[in-house]
Structures are given as structure tokens and as C-alpha cells.
């Protein structure tokens, strides 16, 4: 899997990651979506990896992804900033996976 951060996304996140010392996780969030196959990719700031997480190297910092949810992602993805909105966009050459992806600071993770 290849995740590319745009320069704008790196500029927006670098101070946050440096200040918090936390890790970035691309979470396939199914809360409120009805079932496990309906979900929305969300960007989380977490303290640690969960048992099911794998580490994906990127052009910025390593990103955690849930191994059991890899099927919902494309092989090549880009994370960009949505200008003027305070959120991010997750896209691939084939589709936009989440046009307005929030950054959530998660203090308690579920395993």
C-alpha cells in the first residue's frame, strides 16, 4: 500500500504530530453506519497501535491501518488538505474515499 501526503497536508499536520507526539491512524470508522461494511475513513491521532494495526510507511510519517479493513482502501492513496475547511481529503486514482476527512484526537482506542 502506498500513501502519499501532499505538501499542504504535511504542513498542516507536522506541527500537530510534533506537539502531541502521537501517531496517525487511518481508521475505517463504522460507528453509526449500520454495519461493518459501511464506513468512512477517518484520520485519528492515537497514542499506540491496536492489535489489528499494521504500519504503512509514507512520505511523511508512518500511518497505522487496521489489517482487517485493508479491503476498503485502494493500493495507492493521497491525503490532501481541503482548503478553507480544516479537514482533509482521502483519494485514489479511482475514487474519492472521503472528501471531508476530519482529524480526531482519540484518547481511548478499541481493540
PDB file of N, CA and C in Angstrom:
ATOM      1  N   UNK A   1       0.850  -1.169   0.000  1.00  0.00           N
ATOM      2  CA  UNK A   1       0.000   0.000   0.000  1.00  0.00           C
ATOM      3  C   UNK A   1       0.900   1.238   0.000  1.00  0.00           C
ATOM      4  N   UNK A   2       0.494   2.223  -0.770  1.00  0.00           N
ATOM      5  CA  UNK A   2       1.268   3.456  -0.905  1.00  0.00           C
ATOM      6  C   UNK A   2       0.374   4.646  -0.541  1.00  0.00           C
ATOM      7  N   UNK A   3       0.755   5.364   0.517  1.00  0.00           N
ATOM      8  CA  UNK A   3       0.026   6.559   0.934  1.00  0.00           C
ATOM      9  C   UNK A   3       0.944   7.758   0.738  1.00  0.00           C
ATOM     10  N   UNK A   4       0.466   8.730  -0.012  1.00  0.00           N
ATOM     11  CA  UNK A   4       1.225   9.945  -0.297  1.00  0.00           C
ATOM     12  C   UNK A   4       0.521  11.130   0.347  1.00  0.00           C
ATOM     13  N   UNK A   5       1.282  11.922   1.090  1.00  0.00           N
ATOM     14  CA  UNK A   5       0.769  13.157   1.678  1.00  0.00           C
ATOM     15  C   UNK A   5       1.166  14.302   0.759  1.00  0.00           C
ATOM     16  N   UNK A   6       0.233  15.219   0.501  1.00  0.00           N
ATOM     17  CA  UNK A   6       0.602  16.408  -0.254  1.00  0.00           C
ATOM     18  C   UNK A   6       1.411  17.328   0.652  1.00  0.00           C
ATOM     19  N   UNK A   7       2.136  18.261   0.052  1.00  0.00           N
ATOM     20  CA  UNK A   7       2.920  19.222   0.835  1.00  0.00           C
ATOM     21  C   UNK A   7       2.027  20.019   1.779  1.00  0.00           C
ATOM     22  N   UNK A   8       0.819  20.352   1.327  1.00  0.00           N
ATOM     23  CA  UNK A   8      -0.119  21.116   2.153  1.00  0.00           C
ATOM     24  C   UNK A   8      -0.572  20.309   3.369  1.00  0.00           C
ATOM     25  N   UNK A   9      -0.823  19.007   3.163  1.00  0.00           N
ATOM     26  CA  UNK A   9      -1.242  18.154   4.279  1.00  0.00           C
ATOM     27  C   UNK A   9      -0.104  17.989   5.291  1.00  0.00           C
ATOM     28  N   UNK A  10       1.119  17.830   4.794  1.00  0.00           N
ATOM     29  CA  UNK A  10       2.273  17.712   5.684  1.00  0.00           C
ATOM     30  C   UNK A  10       2.439  18.998   6.498  1.00  0.00           C
ATOM     31  N   UNK A  11       2.309  20.145   5.835  1.00  0.00           N
ATOM     32  CA  UNK A  11       2.455  21.432   6.531  1.00  0.00           C
ATOM     33  C   UNK A  11       1.383  21.597   7.606  1.00  0.00           C
ATOM     34  N   UNK A  12       0.178  21.110   7.346  1.00  0.00           N
ATOM     35  CA  UNK A  12      -0.908  21.231   8.321  1.00  0.00           C
ATOM     36  C   UNK A  12      -0.727  20.278   9.501  1.00  0.00           C
ATOM     37  N   UNK A  13      -0.200  19.086   9.247  1.00  0.00           N
ATOM     38  CA  UNK A  13      -0.119  18.068  10.296  1.00  0.00           C
ATOM     39  C   UNK A  13       1.205  18.020  11.051  1.00  0.00           C
ATOM     40  N   UNK A  14       2.284  18.434  10.431  1.00  0.00           N
ATOM     41  CA  UNK A  14       3.605  18.317  11.068  1.00  0.00           C
ATOM     42  C   UNK A  14       3.657  18.977  12.443  1.00  0.00           C
ATOM     43  N   UNK A  15       3.140  20.205  12.605  1.00  0.00           N
ATOM     44  CA  UNK A  15       3.183  20.806  13.945  1.00  0.00           C
ATOM     45  C   UNK A  15       2.332  20.058  14.965  1.00  0.00           C
ATOM     46  N   UNK A  16       1.218  19.504  14.531  1.00  0.00           N
ATOM     47  CA  UNK A  16       0.323  18.769  15.431  1.00  0.00           C
ATOM     48  C   UNK A  16       0.986  17.474  15.893  1.00  0.00           C
ATOM     49  N   UNK A  17       1.576  16.739  14.956  1.00  0.00           N
ATOM     50  CA  UNK A  17       2.249  15.480  15.290  1.00  0.00           C
ATOM     51  C   UNK A  17       3.450  15.751  16.198  1.00  0.00           C
ATOM     52  N   UNK A  18       4.213  16.799  15.883  1.00  0.00           N
ATOM     53  CA  UNK A  18       5.387  17.137  16.701  1.00  0.00           C
ATOM     54  C   UNK A  18       4.974  17.547  18.110  1.00  0.00           C
ATOM     55  N   UNK A  19       3.935  18.348  18.225  1.00  0.00           N
ATOM     56  CA  UNK A  19       3.492  18.849  19.533  1.00  0.00           C
ATOM     57  C   UNK A  19       2.914  17.736  20.410  1.00  0.00           C
ATOM     58  N   UNK A  20       2.104  16.862  19.817  1.00  0.00           N
ATOM     59  CA  UNK A  20       1.419  15.829  20.599  1.00  0.00           C
ATOM     60  C   UNK A  20       2.268  14.582  20.804  1.00  0.00           C
ATOM     61  N   UNK A  21       3.190  14.312  19.876  1.00  0.00           N
ATOM     62  CA  UNK A  21       3.978  13.086  19.952  1.00  0.00           C
ATOM     63  C   UNK A  21       3.156  11.844  19.661  1.00  0.00           C
ATOM     64  N   UNK A  22       1.985  12.031  19.087  1.00  0.00           N
ATOM     65  CA  UNK A  22       1.078  10.917  18.824  1.00  0.00           C
ATOM     66  C   UNK A  22       1.265  10.395  17.403  1.00  0.00           C
ATOM     67  N   UNK A  23       0.628   9.274  17.120  1.00  0.00           N
ATOM     68  CA  UNK A  23       0.726   8.627  15.812  1.00  0.00           C
ATOM     69  C   UNK A  23      -0.547   8.884  15.015  1.00  0.00           C
ATOM     70  N   UNK A  24      -0.417   8.834  13.700  1.00  0.00           N
ATOM     71  CA  UNK A  24      -1.575   8.991  12.819  1.00  0.00           C
ATOM     72  C   UNK A  24      -2.104   7.613  12.428  1.00  0.00           C
ATOM     73  N   UNK A  25      -3.419   7.490  12.469  1.00  0.00           N
ATOM     74  CA  UNK A  25      -4.080   6.237  12.103  1.00  0.00           C
ATOM     75  C   UNK A  25      -5.191   6.544  11.119  1.00  0.00           C
ATOM     76  N   UNK A  26      -5.239   5.791  10.047  1.00  0.00           N
ATOM     77  CA  UNK A  26      -6.340   5.873   9.106  1.00  0.00           C
ATOM     78  C   UNK A  26      -7.344   4.818   9.542  1.00  0.00           C
ATOM     79  N   UNK A  27      -8.398   5.267  10.191  1.00  0.00           N
ATOM     80  CA  UNK A  27      -9.394   4.388  10.811  1.00  0.00           C
ATOM     81  C   UNK A  27     -10.605   4.271   9.904  1.00  0.00           C
ATOM     82  N   UNK A  28     -11.041   3.036   9.639  1.00  0.00           N
ATOM     83  CA  UNK A  28     -12.275   2.821   8.896  1.00  0.00           C
ATOM     84  C   UNK A  28     -13.397   2.811   9.923  1.00  0.00           C
ATOM     85  N   UNK A  29     -14.019   3.965  10.116  1.00  0.00           N
ATOM     86  CA  UNK A  29     -14.984   4.180  11.194  1.00  0.00           C
ATOM     87  C   UNK A  29     -16.374   3.739  10.767  1.00  0.00           C
ATOM     88  N   UNK A  30     -16.924   2.749  11.471  1.00  0.00           N
ATOM     89  CA  UNK A  30     -18.255   2.230  11.152  1.00  0.00           C
ATOM     90  C   UNK A  30     -19.310   2.668  12.162  1.00  0.00           C
ATOM     91  N   UNK A  31     -18.932   3.443  13.177  1.00  0.00           N
ATOM     92  CA  UNK A  31     -19.902   3.899  14.177  1.00  0.00           C
ATOM     93  C   UNK A  31     -21.019   4.696  13.523  1.00  0.00           C
ATOM     94  N   UNK A  32     -22.240   4.252  13.730  1.00  0.00           N
ATOM     95  CA  UNK A  32     -23.405   4.945  13.190  1.00  0.00           C
ATOM     96  C   UNK A  32     -23.664   4.689  11.721  1.00  0.00           C
ATOM     97  N   UNK A  33     -22.932   3.747  11.128  1.00  0.00           N
ATOM     98  CA  UNK A  33     -23.084   3.487   9.688  1.00  0.00           C
ATOM     99  C   UNK A  33     -23.942   2.266   9.392  1.00  0.00           C
ATOM    100  N   UNK A  34     -24.384   1.563  10.411  1.00  0.00           N
ATOM    101  CA  UNK A  34     -25.301   0.458  10.182  1.00  0.00           C
ATOM    102  C   UNK A  34     -24.667  -0.913  10.268  1.00  0.00           C
ATOM    103  N   UNK A  35     -23.576  -1.143   9.568  1.00  0.00           N
ATOM    104  CA  UNK A  35     -22.911  -2.448   9.634  1.00  0.00           C
ATOM    105  C   UNK A  35     -21.436  -2.291   9.304  1.00  0.00           C
ATOM    106  N   UNK A  36     -20.689  -3.372   9.474  1.00  0.00           N
ATOM    107  CA  UNK A  36     -19.223  -3.314   9.360  1.00  0.00           C
ATOM    108  C   UNK A  36     -18.720  -3.021   7.954  1.00  0.00           C
ATOM    109  N   UNK A  37     -19.549  -3.224   6.932  1.00  0.00           N
ATOM    110  CA  UNK A  37     -19.080  -2.936   5.573  1.00  0.00           C
ATOM    111  C   UNK A  37     -19.388  -1.505   5.148  1.00  0.00           C
ATOM    112  N   UNK A  38     -20.183  -0.799   5.930  1.00  0.00           N
ATOM    113  CA  UNK A  38     -20.446   0.611   5.669  1.00  0.00           C
ATOM    114  C   UNK A  38     -19.630   1.431   6.649  1.00  0.00           C
ATOM    115  N   UNK A  39     -18.739   2.228   6.118  1.00  0.00           N
ATOM    116  CA  UNK A  39     -17.911   3.029   6.991  1.00  0.00           C
ATOM    117  C   UNK A  39     -17.301   4.192   6.248  1.00  0.00           C
ATOM    118  N   UNK A  40     -16.568   4.998   6.992  1.00  0.00           N
ATOM    119  CA  UNK A  40     -15.943   6.191   6.448  1.00  0.00           C
ATOM    120  C   UNK A  40     -14.505   6.249   6.960  1.00  0.00           C
ATOM    121  N   UNK A  41     -13.529   6.375   6.062  1.00  0.00           N
ATOM    122  CA  UNK A  41     -12.155   6.544   6.527  1.00  0.00           C
ATOM    123  C   UNK A  41     -12.018   7.864   7.286  1.00  0.00           C
ATOM    124  N   UNK A  42     -11.386   7.794   8.439  1.00  0.00           N
ATOM    125  CA  UNK A  42     -11.198   8.955   9.298  1.00  0.00           C
ATOM    126  C   UNK A  42      -9.742   8.982   9.744  1.00  0.00           C
ATOM    127  N   UNK A  43      -9.203  10.165   9.920  1.00  0.00           N
ATOM    128  CA  UNK A  43      -7.835  10.317  10.374  1.00  0.00           C
ATOM    129  C   UNK A  43      -7.833  10.518  11.880  1.00  0.00           C
ATOM    130  N   UNK A  44      -7.157   9.632  12.603  1.00  0.00           N
ATOM    131  CA  UNK A  44      -7.102   9.686  14.054  1.00  0.00           C
ATOM    132  C   UNK A  44      -5.689   9.989  14.526  1.00  0.00           C
ATOM    133  N   UNK A  45      -5.581  10.705  15.620  1.00  0.00           N
ATOM    134  CA  UNK A  45      -4.331  10.856  16.372  1.00  0.00           C
ATOM    135  C   UNK A  45      -4.440   9.915  17.562  1.00  0.00           C
ATOM    136  N   UNK A  46      -3.524   8.950  17.665  1.00  0.00           N
ATOM    137  CA  UNK A  46      -3.615   7.934  18.716  1.00  0.00           C
ATOM    138  C   UNK A  46      -2.295   7.832  19.476  1.00  0.00           C
ATOM    139  N   UNK A  47      -2.365   7.252  20.659  1.00  0.00           N
ATOM    140  CA  UNK A  47      -1.177   7.059  21.480  1.00  0.00           C
ATOM    141  C   UNK A  47      -0.405   5.799  21.105  1.00  0.00           C
ATOM    142  N   UNK A  48      -1.142   4.781  20.646  1.00  0.00           N
ATOM    143  CA  UNK A  48      -0.493   3.492  20.374  1.00  0.00           C
ATOM    144  C   UNK A  48      -1.273   2.734  19.293  1.00  0.00           C
ATOM    145  N   UNK A  49      -0.624   1.714  18.775  1.00  0.00           N
ATOM    146  CA  UNK A  49      -1.267   0.848  17.788  1.00  0.00           C
ATOM    147  C   UNK A  49      -2.151  -0.176  18.500  1.00  0.00           C
ATOM    148  N   UNK A  50      -3.226  -0.585  17.850  1.00  0.00           N
ATOM    149  CA  UNK A  50      -4.056  -1.683  18.335  1.00  0.00           C
ATOM    150  C   UNK A  50      -3.496  -3.000  17.794  1.00  0.00           C
ATOM    151  N   UNK A  51      -3.992  -4.120  18.324  1.00  0.00           N
ATOM    152  CA  UNK A  51      -3.521  -5.445  17.899  1.00  0.00           C
ATOM    153  C   UNK A  51      -3.661  -5.668  16.398  1.00  0.00           C
ATOM    154  N   UNK A  52      -4.721  -5.157  15.808  1.00  0.00           N
ATOM    155  CA  UNK A  52      -5.029  -5.396  14.393  1.00  0.00           C
ATOM    156  C   UNK A  52      -4.330  -4.402  13.461  1.00  0.00           C
ATOM    157  N   UNK A  53      -3.597  -3.457  13.997  1.00  0.00           N
ATOM    158  CA  UNK A  53      -2.992  -2.413  13.166  1.00  0.00           C
ATOM    159  C   UNK A  53      -1.697  -2.875  12.503  1.00  0.00           C
ATOM    160  N   UNK A  54      -1.493  -2.384  11.285  1.00  0.00           N
ATOM    161  CA  UNK A  54      -0.216  -2.542  10.592  1.00  0.00           C
ATOM    162  C   UNK A  54       0.345  -1.140  10.374  1.00  0.00           C
ATOM    163  N   UNK A  55       1.624  -1.066  10.128  1.00  0.00           N
ATOM    164  CA  UNK A  55       2.282   0.214   9.889  1.00  0.00           C
ATOM    165  C   UNK A  55       2.580   0.331   8.403  1.00  0.00           C
ATOM    166  N   UNK A  56       2.161   1.452   7.818  1.00  0.00           N
ATOM    167  CA  UNK A  56       2.435   1.731   6.409  1.00  0.00           C
ATOM    168  C   UNK A  56       3.354   2.946   6.357  1.00  0.00           C
ATOM    169  N   UNK A  57       4.509   2.767   5.737  1.00  0.00           N
ATOM    170  CA  UNK A  57       5.446   3.876   5.568  1.00  0.00           C
ATOM    171  C   UNK A  57       4.899   4.831   4.509  1.00  0.00           C
ATOM    172  N   UNK A  58       5.095   6.129   4.719  1.00  0.00           N
ATOM    173  CA  UNK A  58       4.618   7.140   3.781  1.00  0.00           C
ATOM    174  C   UNK A  58       5.737   8.154   3.536  1.00  0.00           C
ATOM    175  N   UNK A  59       5.440   9.183   2.750  1.00  0.00           N
ATOM    176  CA  UNK A  59       6.412  10.249   2.517  1.00  0.00           C
ATOM    177  C   UNK A  59       6.421  11.274   3.653  1.00  0.00           C
ATOM    178  N   UNK A  60       5.664  11.042   4.695  1.00  0.00           N
ATOM    179  CA  UNK A  60       5.614  11.932   5.861  1.00  0.00           C
ATOM    180  C   UNK A  60       5.966  11.138   7.113  1.00  0.00           C
ATOM    181  N   UNK A  61       5.000  10.593   7.790  1.00  0.00           N
ATOM    182  CA  UNK A  61       5.220   9.744   8.963  1.00  0.00           C
ATOM    183  C   UNK A  61       4.532   8.407   8.710  1.00  0.00           C
ATOM    184  N   UNK A  62       4.950   7.345   9.388  1.00  0.00           N
ATOM    185  CA  UNK A  62       4.240   6.070   9.243  1.00  0.00           C
ATOM    186  C   UNK A  62       2.783   6.225   9.694  1.00  0.00           C
ATOM    187  N   UNK A  63       1.898   5.523   9.019  1.00  0.00           N
ATOM    188  CA  UNK A  63       0.466   5.573   9.314  1.00  0.00           C
ATOM    189  C   UNK A  63       0.007   4.182   9.736  1.00  0.00           C
ATOM    190  N   UNK A  64      -0.823   4.133  10.762  1.00  0.00           N
ATOM    191  CA  UNK A  64      -1.423   2.876  11.205  1.00  0.00           C
ATOM    192  C   UNK A  64      -2.705   2.630  10.423  1.00  0.00           C
ATOM    193  N   UNK A  65      -2.918   1.377  10.013  1.00  0.00           N
ATOM    194  CA  UNK A  65      -4.162   0.948   9.373  1.00  0.00           C
ATOM    195  C   UNK A  65      -4.585  -0.377   9.982  1.00  0.00           C
ATOM    196  N   UNK A  66      -5.885  -0.587  10.067  1.00  0.00           N
ATOM    197  CA  UNK A  66      -6.405  -1.849  10.581  1.00  0.00           C
ATOM    198  C   UNK A  66      -6.269  -2.915   9.497  1.00  0.00           C
ATOM    199  N   UNK A  67      -5.537  -3.975   9.795  1.00  0.00           N
ATOM    200  CA  UNK A  67      -5.304  -5.040   8.821  1.00  0.00           C
ATOM    201  C   UNK A  67      -6.624  -5.622   8.307  1.00  0.00           C
ATOM    202  N   UNK A  68      -7.594  -5.763   9.191  1.00  0.00           N
ATOM    203  CA  UNK A  68      -8.883  -6.349   8.807  1.00  0.00           C
ATOM    204  C   UNK A  68      -9.719  -5.430   7.915  1.00  0.00           C
ATOM    205  N   UNK A  69      -9.318  -4.167   7.766  1.00  0.00           N
ATOM    206  CA  UNK A  69     -10.083  -3.206   6.957  1.00  0.00           C
ATOM    207  C   UNK A  69      -9.356  -2.787   5.677  1.00  0.00           C
ATOM    208  N   UNK A  70      -8.238  -3.415   5.364  1.00  0.00           N
ATOM    209  CA  UNK A  70      -7.467  -3.027   4.186  1.00  0.00           C
ATOM    210  C   UNK A  70      -8.269  -3.153   2.891  1.00  0.00           C
ATOM    211  N   UNK A  71      -9.228  -4.057   2.864  1.00  0.00           N
ATOM    212  CA  UNK A  71     -10.047  -4.272   1.670  1.00  0.00           C
ATOM    213  C   UNK A  71     -10.819  -3.008   1.264  1.00  0.00           C
ATOM    214  N   UNK A  72     -11.052  -2.098   2.191  1.00  0.00           N
ATOM    215  CA  UNK A  72     -11.816  -0.890   1.910  1.00  0.00           C
ATOM    216  C   UNK A  72     -10.971   0.243   1.328  1.00  0.00           C
ATOM    217  N   UNK A  73      -9.664   0.029   1.225  1.00  0.00           N
ATOM    218  CA  UNK A  73      -8.755   1.048   0.712  1.00  0.00           C
ATOM    219  C   UNK A  73      -8.201   0.646  -0.646  1.00  0.00           C
ATOM    220  N   UNK A  74      -7.730   1.627  -1.386  1.00  0.00           N
ATOM    221  CA  UNK A  74      -7.068   1.367  -2.659  1.00  0.00           C
ATOM    222  C   UNK A  74      -5.573   1.215  -2.428  1.00  0.00           C
ATOM    223  N   UNK A  75      -4.894   0.617  -3.379  1.00  0.00           N
ATOM    224  CA  UNK A  75      -3.463   0.355  -3.247  1.00  0.00           C
ATOM    225  C   UNK A  75      -2.652   1.652  -3.159  1.00  0.00           C
ATOM    226  N   UNK A  76      -3.074   2.667  -3.903  1.00  0.00           N
ATOM    227  CA  UNK A  76      -2.401   3.961  -3.896  1.00  0.00           C
ATOM    228  C   UNK A  76      -3.405   5.025  -3.486  1.00  0.00           C
ATOM    229  N   UNK A  77      -3.070   5.795  -2.441  1.00  0.00           N
ATOM    230  CA  UNK A  77      -3.973   6.836  -1.963  1.00  0.00           C
ATOM    231  C   UNK A  77      -3.187   8.105  -1.644  1.00  0.00           C
ATOM    232  N   UNK A  78      -3.875   9.233  -1.729  1.00  0.00           N
ATOM    233  CA  UNK A  78      -3.293  10.532  -1.420  1.00  0.00           C
ATOM    234  C   UNK A  78      -4.137  11.206  -0.346  1.00  0.00           C
ATOM    235  N   UNK A  79      -3.446  11.832   0.626  1.00  0.00           N
ATOM    236  CA  UNK A  79      -4.132  12.621   1.639  1.00  0.00           C
ATOM    237  C   UNK A  79      -3.766  14.076   1.404  1.00  0.00           C
ATOM    238  N   UNK A  80      -4.787  14.905   1.214  1.00  0.00           N
ATOM    239  CA  UNK A  80      -4.607  16.320   0.893  1.00  0.00           C
ATOM    240  C   UNK A  80      -5.435  17.150   1.866  1.00  0.00           C
ATOM    241  N   UNK A  81      -5.196  18.445   1.869  1.00  0.00           N
ATOM    242  CA  UNK A  81      -5.972  19.384   2.669  1.00  0.00           C
ATOM    243  C   UNK A  81      -7.125  19.904   1.822  1.00  0.00           C
ATOM    244  N   UNK A  82      -8.302  20.027   2.430  1.00  0.00           N
ATOM    245  CA  UNK A  82      -9.412  20.707   1.777  1.00  0.00           C
ATOM    246  C   UNK A  82      -9.303  22.160   2.213  1.00  0.00           C
ATOM    247  N   UNK A  83      -8.875  22.994   1.309  1.00  0.00           N
ATOM    248  CA  UNK A  83      -8.580  24.395   1.637  1.00  0.00           C
ATOM    249  C   UNK A  83      -9.787  25.112   2.250  1.00  0.00           C
ATOM    250  N   UNK A  84      -9.539  25.825   3.357  1.00  0.00           N
ATOM    251  CA  UNK A  84     -10.563  26.625   3.999  1.00  0.00           C
ATOM    252  C   UNK A  84     -11.569  25.855   4.826  1.00  0.00           C
ATOM    253  N   UNK A  85     -11.357  24.538   5.002  1.00  0.00           N
ATOM    254  CA  UNK A  85     -12.360  23.754   5.727  1.00  0.00           C
ATOM    255  C   UNK A  85     -11.846  23.142   7.018  1.00  0.00           C
ATOM    256  N   UNK A  86     -10.536  23.101   7.200  1.00  0.00           N
ATOM    257  CA  UNK A  86      -9.980  22.478   8.386  1.00  0.00           C
ATOM    258  C   UNK A  86     -10.049  20.967   8.377  1.00  0.00           C
ATOM    259  N   UNK A  87     -10.224  20.387   7.194  1.00  0.00           N
ATOM    260  CA  UNK A  87     -10.259  18.933   7.121  1.00  0.00           C
ATOM    261  C   UNK A  87      -9.400  18.447   5.941  1.00  0.00           C
ATOM    262  N   UNK A  88      -9.367  17.143   5.769  1.00  0.00           N
ATOM    263  CA  UNK A  88      -8.515  16.515   4.770  1.00  0.00           C
ATOM    264  C   UNK A  88      -9.355  15.727   3.785  1.00  0.00           C
ATOM    265  N   UNK A  89      -8.727  15.327   2.684  1.00  0.00           N
ATOM    266  CA  UNK A  89      -9.397  14.522   1.669  1.00  0.00           C
ATOM    267  C   UNK A  89      -8.549  13.287   1.413  1.00  0.00           C
ATOM    268  N   UNK A  90      -9.188  12.121   1.388  1.00  0.00           N
ATOM    269  CA  UNK A  90      -8.523  10.868   1.058  1.00  0.00           C
ATOM    270  C   UNK A  90      -9.008  10.440  -0.314  1.00  0.00           C
ATOM    271  N   UNK A  91      -8.063  10.326  -1.261  1.00  0.00           N
ATOM    272  CA  UNK A  91      -8.443   9.982  -2.626  1.00  0.00           C
ATOM    273  C   UNK A  91      -7.442   9.002  -3.220  1.00  0.00           C
ATOM    274  N   UNK A  92      -7.870   8.363  -4.285  1.00  0.00           N
ATOM    275  CA  UNK A  92      -7.013   7.462  -5.039  1.00  0.00           C
ATOM    276  C   UNK A  92      -7.181   7.827  -6.514  1.00  0.00           C
ATOM    277  N   UNK A  93      -6.415   7.215  -7.386  1.00  0.00           N
ATOM    278  CA  UNK A  93      -6.621   7.487  -8.805  1.00  0.00           C
ATOM    279  C   UNK A  93      -8.025   7.087  -9.296  1.00  0.00           C
ATOM    280  N   UNK A  94      -8.698   6.197  -8.556  1.00  0.00           N
ATOM    281  CA  UNK A  94     -10.002   5.684  -8.978  1.00  0.00           C
ATOM    282  C   UNK A  94     -11.201   6.363  -8.339  1.00  0.00           C
ATOM    283  N   UNK A  95     -11.011   6.977  -7.164  1.00  0.00           N
ATOM    284  CA  UNK A  95     -12.172   7.490  -6.439  1.00  0.00           C
ATOM    285  C   UNK A  95     -11.748   8.426  -5.312  1.00  0.00           C
ATOM    286  N   UNK A  96     -12.734   9.125  -4.771  1.00  0.00           N
ATOM    287  CA  UNK A  96     -12.535   9.889  -3.543  1.00  0.00           C
ATOM    288  C   UNK A  96     -13.132   9.045  -2.428  1.00  0.00           C
ATOM    289  N   UNK A  97     -12.285   8.612  -1.499  1.00  0.00           N
ATOM    290  CA  UNK A  97     -12.726   7.740  -0.417  1.00  0.00           C
ATOM    291  C   UNK A  97     -13.402   8.514   0.703  1.00  0.00           C
ATOM    292  N   UNK A  98     -12.930   9.732   0.955  1.00  0.00           N
ATOM    293  CA  UNK A  98     -13.591  10.624   1.908  1.00  0.00           C
ATOM    294  C   UNK A  98     -13.238  12.058   1.526  1.00  0.00           C
ATOM    295  N   UNK A  99     -14.224  12.837   1.056  1.00  0.00           N
ATOM    296  CA  UNK A  99     -13.947  14.199   0.603  1.00  0.00           C
ATOM    297  C   UNK A  99     -13.714  15.195   1.737  1.00  0.00           C
ATOM    298  N   UNK A 100     -14.146  14.858   2.964  1.00  0.00           N
ATOM    299  CA  UNK A 100     -14.006  15.779   4.104  1.00  0.00           C
ATOM    300  C   UNK A 100     -13.667  14.967   5.355  1.00  0.00           C
ATOM    301  N   UNK A 101     -12.426  14.548   5.427  1.00  0.00           N
ATOM    302  CA  UNK A 101     -11.952  13.679   6.499  1.00  0.00           C
ATOM    303  C   UNK A 101     -11.435  14.529   7.662  1.00  0.00           C
ATOM    304  N   UNK A 102     -12.056  14.378   8.802  1.00  0.00           N
ATOM    305  CA  UNK A 102     -11.652  15.117   9.998  1.00  0.00           C
ATOM    306  C   UNK A 102     -10.445  14.461  10.654  1.00  0.00           C
ATOM    307  N   UNK A 103      -9.717  15.245  11.422  1.00  0.00           N
ATOM    308  CA  UNK A 103      -8.658  14.732  12.272  1.00  0.00           C
ATOM    309  C   UNK A 103      -9.216  14.658  13.681  1.00  0.00           C
ATOM    310  N   UNK A 104      -9.295  13.444  14.220  1.00  0.00           N
ATOM    311  CA  UNK A 104      -9.857  13.241  15.547  1.00  0.00           C
ATOM    312  C   UNK A 104      -8.761  12.819  16.516  1.00  0.00           C
ATOM    313  N   UNK A 105      -8.715  13.455  17.681  1.00  0.00           N
ATOM    314  CA  UNK A 105      -7.783  13.047  18.728  1.00  0.00           C
ATOM    315  C   UNK A 105      -8.509  12.016  19.586  1.00  0.00           C
ATOM    316  N   UNK A 106      -8.036  10.790  19.526  1.00  0.00           N
ATOM    317  CA  UNK A 106      -8.688   9.678  20.226  1.00  0.00           C
ATOM    318  C   UNK A 106      -7.850   9.304  21.444  1.00  0.00           C
ATOM    319  N   UNK A 107      -8.467   9.391  22.600  1.00  0.00           N
ATOM    320  CA  UNK A 107      -7.717   9.108  23.826  1.00  0.00           C
ATOM    321  C   UNK A 107      -7.815   7.638  24.227  1.00  0.00           C
ATOM    322  N   UNK A 108      -8.890   6.989  23.877  1.00  0.00           N
ATOM    323  CA  UNK A 108      -9.096   5.592  24.244  1.00  0.00           C
ATOM    324  C   UNK A 108      -9.392   4.817  22.979  1.00  0.00           C
ATOM    325  N   UNK A 109      -8.587   3.799  22.678  1.00  0.00           N
ATOM    326  CA  UNK A 109      -8.783   3.015  21.475  1.00  0.00           C
ATOM    327  C   UNK A 109      -9.499   1.708  21.811  1.00  0.00           C
ATOM    328  N   UNK A 110     -10.180   1.196  20.820  1.00  0.00           N
ATOM    329  CA  UNK A 110     -10.871  -0.099  20.954  1.00  0.00           C
ATOM    330  C   UNK A 110     -10.055  -1.154  20.264  1.00  0.00           C
ATOM    331  N   UNK A 111      -9.901  -2.293  20.908  1.00  0.00           N
ATOM    332  CA  UNK A 111      -9.117  -3.367  20.289  1.00  0.00           C
ATOM    333  C   UNK A 111      -9.989  -4.397  19.651  1.00  0.00           C
TER     334      UNK A 111
END
